[in-house]
Amino acid sequence: MFKKLLQFETYYQLKQRAFPIFSILFLGLGYFTGSQGYAPTGVNFNAVYQVYFHTGLFTLGSVFIIMFFTVTATIRDKQHHMEGLIYSSSITKQHYFWSRFLGAFIFSVLAFSPFIVGYILGNYFSGLDVERLGTFSLLNYIQPWFYIVLPNIFICTSLIFSVSIFTKNSIATYASAVCIYMLYFVSSIFLNSPLLAQSVPASPEMMSVAAIADSFGIAAFFEQTQYWTAHQKNTQLLSFSGLFFWNRILWIAFSLGILFLTYKRFSFRKITKKVKKQKTLKNNIKQLTPYKAIEGTYNFTAQIKGLLSLVRLELNSVFKSLPFLVIVAMWLLIVFSELYANFVEGREYGVSVYPFTNQLIELITNPLTLFGLLLLIFYGSEIVWREHSVNFNLIIGATPTKNWVFFAAKFISLSLLPILLIALGIFMCITFQVSLGFESINIGMYASVFYYYGLQLIIYAMLAVFINSIAKSKYVGMGAFGLLVIISMKANLLGLEHPLTSIGFMPRVALGDMAMYNSNTTQFNHLGLYWLGIGVLFVLIAFKVWNRGMVKGFSYKIKQLKQGYNLTERILLLSFSLLVIGAGSLVFYNTNFLSDYHTNDDNLNLSEDYERKYKHYQTLEKLYPVSQKTEVAIFPKKRKYTVKANYVLKNKSNEAVSKLLITERIPIKQIHLERARLSTKDTTHGAYVFEFKEKLQPNDSVAYTFVIEKELKGYEEDKSIVNNGTYITFRNFEPIIGYASGFEILDKTERKKRGLPERDEDDNSDVHIALEDIKIEKVRFETVVSTNKDQIAISSGDLIKTWSENDRNYYHYKSKGKILPMVAYFSANYTTKKAIYNRISIEQYYNASHDFNIDEIEKSTKETLAYCQENFGTYNFKHVRIAEVPSHWGFGGFAHPGVISMTEDRLYLSDVRDENTFNLVAKRTIHEVAHQWWGHTLIAKPVAGGSLLVEGLAKYTEAVVLEKMYGKGVLYELAEDARRRYFLGRAFGENIEPPIYKVQEEGYISYGKAYTVLMALRDLIGEKQVNDIVKTITHRHRFESSPKAHTIELLEEIYKITPKEYHLLVKDWFKKVITYDIAVEKSSYEELPDGAYEVKATIKAKRFETLSNGDIKEIGINEPIKIGIFTTHPLQVKDNSTVLYYESKQINRELIEVSFIVNEKPNYIVIDPYGTRNDENLVDNIVRL
């Protein structure tokens, strides 16, 4: 019987249209995904890592396949009124239950599996770069199918099938599918899953929790592969072990448990509720009243009352439905979790921020669009088709109520749903602010969310109503609108890049407390009118073909559209058509005429053309500035600035220069080069070629002037010039002297497709690092900056003079000596605070409402100045200016000569009032002040290894100053951050990892490994010795105009001081790629008769070298590593009172037994407690005794 039932179920499911549709859909999705050529640099497109990643991601969508097959399997008997017959037949519960489940499961697997086939076809038959395709291995595709696809579909089928067979309700089944989908993302946020783009990487503990809790196994996959290098991703298969193994086993076991529980409780009985005994009615004879027809009132007022009543009925039905309650509950949960994570638990280093309104809005608007669209996809069909779903459409059609009342009620009800989401989110935000005792609540900014984020959702609601009005059924409408939403989100991939063709596109309006709204509000307003007009036209069409009564065919609806229109309809159609034409014309004019609009292909063509025309100038000698004088006028309200520049350029080569190429960043109004004529002016590429009347001889100089007027026109965006918080750097406007290699196409595949040669690789040989002659040099700098009368303007140099004229403030700055030309210009409504420390003026410029951390910034600045002057030499300037800039800048801070920019949300709004909180304000301040030495006093050559002397030394200074201020515990967090940066960075590095002394643009080395190696060096030879090495190099190059310092020189100085027995170790750290695996394997302690304690432990220590081809081999270990015994966790150490033992121990084999005598009861033993070795896993370094 079971075999026949399963055969019938297979035959029945095979006949469903859903099967070929889903199979073709996922085949196409697989081909599209496999053909995109998306993979981290260095990772093959067909690497098993890529197959796992994409397969796991798309199995999230399998719930919607399962939903359809499950509904067919469990509810068709009820729909066709066959339950009684089947339940009373000889079919057993066991055979019925498992045949239906297996039918749904098997066909869900079969419908999804073409994704793998499509992925293979996309890899090999779409013209991808064959150099990025590894050797074909069927196992690369079978293993993900077996470990990811089968378990995930089984788990989801078990859950959805259980809900469906219990409830026999299609709505509950759909809700369970949506619930699984949404719960995954909610739990991912709670668990900080690596699938989501988080600013803070998950801790090892949370990563382990996420790896087990993730029902789809994606977090478990990431947990195992998070630190894999590109070479490992190309060559290694996933191991069915560790947390990945337990994830699969536990979730399959859980699913089986749910299935068996469902099977036990499932019954063939149709009636599950007790039938209430009906009361016997007495035969009371009543006097009959003659029937009298009720006179209806059909005026406009009555119709409005009917409209309001219908809206109430529609909303009441929605509010009581399970899917709505689930989505709203998840929305509130996700809003709460986002707010809690950022303002209670904290962001980077666990530090929270002050809950300013813009910060909260930024958090809730990220998931708002997703939740709003989910509501519209589901309820767009549910509301429009409600009467048809319950077979009440004919009765409704026979009522005397006008069409527009029913139609308007449905549209209004649907539109109110995303508005309700926004209102609930805002309410929770305000509640959160109040509960935290924060009083600066910006109600106006909250109200703007309804416009800037609600309008787009209402336009989508219009499209939902239109599509469901012309659709054949509810499910066709739901699917068609869902497809439209997906297309609108991926419009650029279909070539729909222009804002007029990208469905529903409206720019994201960023909100800030300092700069308020960003520059694209005008574009939003215009596009809002355009899409609103289109939406209304679609609504009018939907109204015209409204399904009242029987559902009409598409051809009939076309006839309806051709029928006559009344005056109101004609006026509305004409008015909104004119609105679309007018707004569209306005958008087109601002985009294509006032703004410099280019498609992605246009930009690639321009880059290609620029390279072909001007690449030969790269080999010619060029000139370098030695003096810069500027006049910068900033007009914040007009979003405009002008620059008048007078430079002196010098020929620093040994050859005469006859031609000079200058490439503009932004359009140049005037340009002049002394003793030269302009031979070429290429306005397409912004290129100017000057020919000298007589060749410019070596060491000769010429005057060079240019004028720039930058005013935002059309829909131009420029975050450097805002109403309050203008921050213009030299990179924003300064023309590039010589060939601009940064304009070249970077993607190797694209270059190959266009017939361009491979890009030149930098020479990183030791000889080049040491002997390359760098011609860039410091300049004499002077500027006059003017701004509005209510703002302060800042730049580098000593402040010579200030004055006011014509309602504008003027500031004259001039450098005492030569400085690096990395200057910037600031303007804002600043509040100032100044202090003098050792004859250095510490000047702070900040937003008045952001004064929380001003004292801490001043304190940290003083500590850094004191330490650096004592250990590295005098400070070069008379001042340290620290200026706040808006949060739309993505960095934490940037050091210009004598001036530091700091972003509002990552410094000024960090809440460090709790003494137990890591002091992120101090860390960031120390780091940027340290750059006044590392980058402006000691200037590294721009060659391989240069960033070690800039960012590496700044990280080292940050650590030692923080340790002196707050104790050793801060080193634990710094080390953990550096470790994660390093291993996550190398996992997605573009090239094979270079040794640290040849680091170039690998930020994970500059900010991660550099910290670890320099702190290890400090442990090896001592802090004073490290400082003396750095001081020697700094003193040697302090007064040189050109960058001279390099890492070969640093290593030579290290060797001079380091004992010879450690030279090979130092060489390994700096010249090889070394990683470690160290751990405390066994530990114990016992109290001795004299009251002391003996601690014993087994230390495991392995060392690995990553070779130039990416292979990793184990090598021997023989080096001293710190071992610590503490009464408290190393993170909480503030002074030596909790440190019982902290010394280096020579580790010379894989397993080593150690023992120590301490005077107090120990609680922790740790190998390398403060992370001076690059070890993927620090959790096993520490053991609680």
Foldseek 3Di string as FASTA:
>chain_A
DLVVLLVVLLVVVVPDPLLVVLQVVLLVVLLVQLQPPDDFFLAFSLFLLNLLQVLLVCLLVLLVLLLVLLLVLAQVCVVVVNLVVVLPDPDDLVSSLVSSLVSSLVSSLVSNVSSLVSNVCNNPPNPFDVVRHDDDDVCSSVVSCVLFVNLSSLLSSLQLNLQCNVPSDSLSSVLSSVLSSLVLVLVCLLLVAPVDDAPAHGDLVSLLVCCQPRLRNNSVSCNQQLQPFSVCSRPPDDDCDDSSVNNSVVSSVVSVVSNVVSSVPRHSDPDPDDDDDDDDDDPDDDDDDDDDDDDDDADPVVLVVLLVVLLVVLLVVLVPRDSNVSLLVSLLSSLVSQCCVAAPQHGALSFHFQLEPLVSCVRSLVCLVVSLVVLLLQLLLCLQCVCVVVVNQQVQLPDPHDLVSSLVSSLVNSLVSSVVSLVSSVVVSVVVCVVVVHDNHDVVVSVCCCVQPSLLSSLLSLVLLLQSLLDPHSVRSSVVSVVVVVCLVVVVVVVQPQLLRNQSDADRWRAFPFQGTFQQVVVNVLSSQQSVLVSVLSSLLSSQSGPRRHRDHNVVSVVSVVDDDDPVSVVSNVVSVVSNVVSVVLLCCLAVPFDPDDRPVRLQVLQVVLCVVAVVQQPAFWWEWAAKEWEKEAEQVQLKIKIKIKTKIARADQAWAFKKKKAWPDDWPDKDKPQWDFPDQDPSRRITMIGHPDTHHHGHMIMIITMDMDGDTRSDGDQQRGNFFHKFWCVNTPIDIIRDPVSHDQDPSVCVVVVHDHDDDADLDPCCQAPPDFPHFFHWYKYKYKYALQKDKDKDADFDDWDDDPRMIITIGTHPDTWRRGMMMIMHNWDWDWDADPQAIEIETEDPVLCPCVVVLVVLLNLLQVVCCVQANHQRDRYAYEYEGEPVDPDQWAAGQSYIYGYCRQASRTDCPDVLRQRSNSLSSQLRSCQSLQCIQQNADLFFQNLLSRLLVSLQSSQVSVCVVFNQLNLQSLLSVLLSLQSSQSNSDNANDFFNLRHHPSVSCSSHLSNLQLVVLCQQQHDSLLSVLNNVSSVVCRPPGGNNDGVVSSLVSSVVRGPPVCNVVNCCNGGFAKAKAKFWDDKDKDADPVQKIKIKTKMFIWMWTQDNVRDIDTDWAWAWWWKWWFQDQSNPGRDCPGTFDIHTDTDGGGIDMDMDIGNDDTFKIFINSSNSGNHNDRPRRMDTD
